[in-house]
C-alpha atoms as a PDB file:
ATOM      1  CA  MET A   1       0.000   0.000   0.000  1.00  0.00           C
ATOM      2  CA  MET A   2       2.766   2.460   0.901  1.00  0.00           C
ATOM      3  CA  THR A   3       4.670   1.655  -2.284  1.00  0.00           C
ATOM      4  CA  GLN A   4       1.609   2.432  -4.372  1.00  0.00           C
ATOM      5  CA  MET A   5       1.222   5.758  -2.554  1.00  0.00           C
ATOM      6  CA  LYS A   6       4.872   6.573  -3.261  1.00  0.00           C
ATOM      7  CA  ARG A   7       4.383   5.791  -6.950  1.00  0.00           C
ATOM      8  CA  MET A   8       1.309   7.968  -7.142  1.00  0.00           C
ATOM      9  CA  SER A   9       3.145  10.787  -5.346  1.00  0.00           C
ATOM     10  CA  MET A  10       6.087  10.520  -7.714  1.00  0.00           C
ATOM     11  CA  ALA A  11       3.797  10.528 -10.745  1.00  0.00           C
ATOM     12  CA  LEU A  12       1.974  13.587  -9.430  1.00  0.00           C
ATOM     13  CA  LEU A  13       5.272  15.347  -8.742  1.00  0.00           C
ATOM     14  CA  ALA A  14       6.476  14.567 -12.282  1.00  0.00           C
ATOM     15  CA  MET A  15       3.268  15.963 -13.773  1.00  0.00           C
ATOM     16  CA  VAL A  16       3.575  19.148 -11.714  1.00  0.00           C
ATOM     17  CA  ALA A  17       7.213  19.559 -12.767  1.00  0.00           C
ATOM     18  CA  LEU A  18       6.301  19.121 -16.424  1.00  0.00           C
ATOM     19  CA  ALA A  19       3.470  21.626 -16.116  1.00  0.00           C
ATOM     20  CA  ALA A  20       5.763  24.118 -14.371  1.00  0.00           C
ATOM     21  CA  THR A  21       8.393  23.973 -17.097  1.00  0.00           C
ATOM     22  CA  GLY A  22       5.726  24.239 -19.767  1.00  0.00           C
ATOM     23  CA  CYS A  23       6.097  23.255 -23.339  1.00  0.00           C
ATOM     24  CA  GLY A  24       7.469  26.498 -24.623  1.00  0.00           C
ATOM     25  CA  PRO A  25       5.784  29.254 -26.549  1.00  0.00           C
ATOM     26  CA  SER A  26       2.724  28.493 -28.611  1.00  0.00           C
ATOM     27  CA  PRO A  27       2.941  28.769 -32.397  1.00  0.00           C
ATOM     28  CA  ASP A  28       0.736  31.878 -32.089  1.00  0.00           C
ATOM     29  CA  ALA A  29       3.170  33.462 -29.634  1.00  0.00           C
ATOM     30  CA  VAL A  30       6.167  32.695 -31.873  1.00  0.00           C
ATOM     31  CA  CYS A  31       4.451  34.249 -34.896  1.00  0.00           C
ATOM     32  CA  ASP A  32       3.276  37.238 -32.858  1.00  0.00           C
ATOM     33  CA  LYS A  33       6.886  37.810 -31.793  1.00  0.00           C
ATOM     34  CA  MET A  34       8.159  37.557 -35.372  1.00  0.00           C
ATOM     35  CA  PHE A  35       5.510  39.990 -36.621  1.00  0.00           C
ATOM     36  CA  SER A  36       6.242  42.329 -33.713  1.00  0.00           C
ATOM     37  CA  LEU A  37       9.946  42.366 -34.590  1.00  0.00           C
ATOM     38  CA  ALA A  38       9.084  42.932 -38.254  1.00  0.00           C
ATOM     39  CA  GLU A  39       6.818  45.839 -37.356  1.00  0.00           C
ATOM     40  CA  ALA A  40       9.531  47.414 -35.202  1.00  0.00           C
ATOM     41  CA  GLU A  41      12.074  47.231 -38.002  1.00  0.00           C
ATOM     42  CA  LEU A  42       9.947  47.611 -41.147  1.00  0.00           C
ATOM     43  CA  GLY A  43       6.983  49.596 -39.918  1.00  0.00           C
ATOM     44  CA  ALA A  44       3.302  48.876 -39.489  1.00  0.00           C
ATOM     45  CA  ALA A  45       2.551  49.147 -43.211  1.00  0.00           C
ATOM     46  CA  ALA A  46       4.806  46.203 -44.020  1.00  0.00           C
ATOM     47  CA  VAL A  47       3.129  44.066 -41.371  1.00  0.00           C
ATOM     48  CA  LYS A  48      -0.352  45.037 -42.601  1.00  0.00           C
ATOM     49  CA  ALA A  49       0.649  43.985 -46.110  1.00  0.00           C
ATOM     50  CA  ALA A  50       1.594  40.551 -44.782  1.00  0.00           C
ATOM     51  CA  VAL A  51      -1.552  40.060 -42.688  1.00  0.00           C
ATOM     52  CA  GLY A  52      -2.509  36.866 -44.546  1.00  0.00           C
ATOM     53  CA  GLU A  53       0.896  35.412 -43.824  1.00  0.00           C
ATOM     54  CA  LYS A  54       0.271  35.107 -40.076  1.00  0.00           C
ATOM     55  CA  SER A  55      -2.115  32.175 -40.419  1.00  0.00           C
ATOM     56  CA  GLU A  56       0.445  30.411 -42.613  1.00  0.00           C
ATOM     57  CA  CYS A  57       3.141  31.165 -40.030  1.00  0.00           C
ATOM     58  CA  VAL A  58       1.034  29.663 -37.229  1.00  0.00           C
ATOM     59  CA  LYS A  59       0.329  26.567 -39.308  1.00  0.00           C
ATOM     60  CA  ASN A  60       4.043  26.107 -40.097  1.00  0.00           C
ATOM     61  CA  GLU A  61       5.062  26.647 -36.471  1.00  0.00           C
ATOM     62  CA  ALA A  62       2.460  24.139 -35.262  1.00  0.00           C
ATOM     63  CA  ARG A  63       3.826  21.588 -37.731  1.00  0.00           C
ATOM     64  CA  ARG A  64       7.386  22.356 -36.618  1.00  0.00           C
ATOM     65  CA  LYS A  65       6.444  21.941 -32.949  1.00  0.00           C
ATOM     66  CA  GLU A  66       4.831  18.589 -33.691  1.00  0.00           C
ATOM     67  CA  MET A  67       7.829  17.368 -35.687  1.00  0.00           C
ATOM     68  CA  GLN A  68      10.495  18.530 -33.223  1.00  0.00           C
ATOM     69  CA  GLY A  69       8.721  17.673 -29.996  1.00  0.00           C
ATOM     70  CA  PHE A  70       7.902  20.259 -27.373  1.00  0.00           C
ATOM     71  CA  ILE A  71      11.255  20.248 -25.551  1.00  0.00           C
ATOM     72  CA  LYS A  72      13.344  20.900 -28.663  1.00  0.00           C
ATOM     73  CA  TYR A  73      10.759  23.400 -29.928  1.00  0.00           C
ATOM     74  CA  LYS A  74      10.919  25.243 -26.611  1.00  0.00           C
ATOM     75  CA  ASP A  75      14.724  25.296 -26.657  1.00  0.00           C
ATOM     76  CA  ASN A  76      14.841  26.463 -30.287  1.00  0.00           C
ATOM     77  CA  ASN A  77      12.414  29.324 -29.687  1.00  0.00           C
ATOM     78  CA  GLU A  78      13.653  30.514 -26.303  1.00  0.00           C
ATOM     79  CA  CYS A  79      16.204  32.848 -27.887  1.00  0.00           C
ATOM     80  CA  LEU A  80      13.665  34.165 -30.411  1.00  0.00           C
ATOM     81  CA  MET A  81      11.165  34.988 -27.690  1.00  0.00           C
ATOM     82  CA  ASN A  82      13.838  36.955 -25.788  1.00  0.00           C
ATOM     83  CA  ALA A  83      15.167  38.770 -28.869  1.00  0.00           C
ATOM     84  CA  SER A  84      14.609  42.486 -29.281  1.00  0.00           C
ATOM     85  CA  SER A  85      15.658  42.739 -32.945  1.00  0.00           C
ATOM     86  CA  TRP A  86      16.176  40.637 -36.067  1.00  0.00           C
ATOM     87  CA  THR A  87      19.916  40.942 -35.499  1.00  0.00           C
ATOM     88  CA  ALA A  88      19.418  39.204 -32.155  1.00  0.00           C
ATOM     89  CA  VAL A  89      17.297  36.513 -33.861  1.00  0.00           C
ATOM     90  CA  LYS A  90      20.053  35.938 -36.415  1.00  0.00           C
ATOM     91  CA  ALA A  91      22.518  35.525 -33.543  1.00  0.00           C
ATOM     92  CA  CYS A  92      20.238  32.813 -32.108  1.00  0.00           C
ATOM     93  CA  GLY A  93      20.860  30.670 -35.171  1.00  0.00           C
ATOM     94  CA  GLU A  94      24.593  31.268 -35.030  1.00  0.00           C
ATOM     95  CA  LYS A  95      24.838  30.070 -31.409  1.00  0.00           C
ATOM     96  CA  LYS A  96      23.996  26.498 -32.382  1.00  0.00           C
END
């Protein structure tokens, strides 16, 4: 009985730890960040012109997240989500 309680406690602890670390940014958040950086560097008009591209971006990011798995996806996008410019995003790719 005590062993079963320990197992259940460990499983619950593992689930809480996984929930706390999260699975990284959502595809929507990644695309929002990319469009935000584009707007900062290219202006609002350029982003408005590409408004139809956001849904395609979200679809591609969702596919990428599924293919890579959430841990790798999270690691790959952590730098992007912290970037303040496209130069910083480019540096993210060079770090690997």
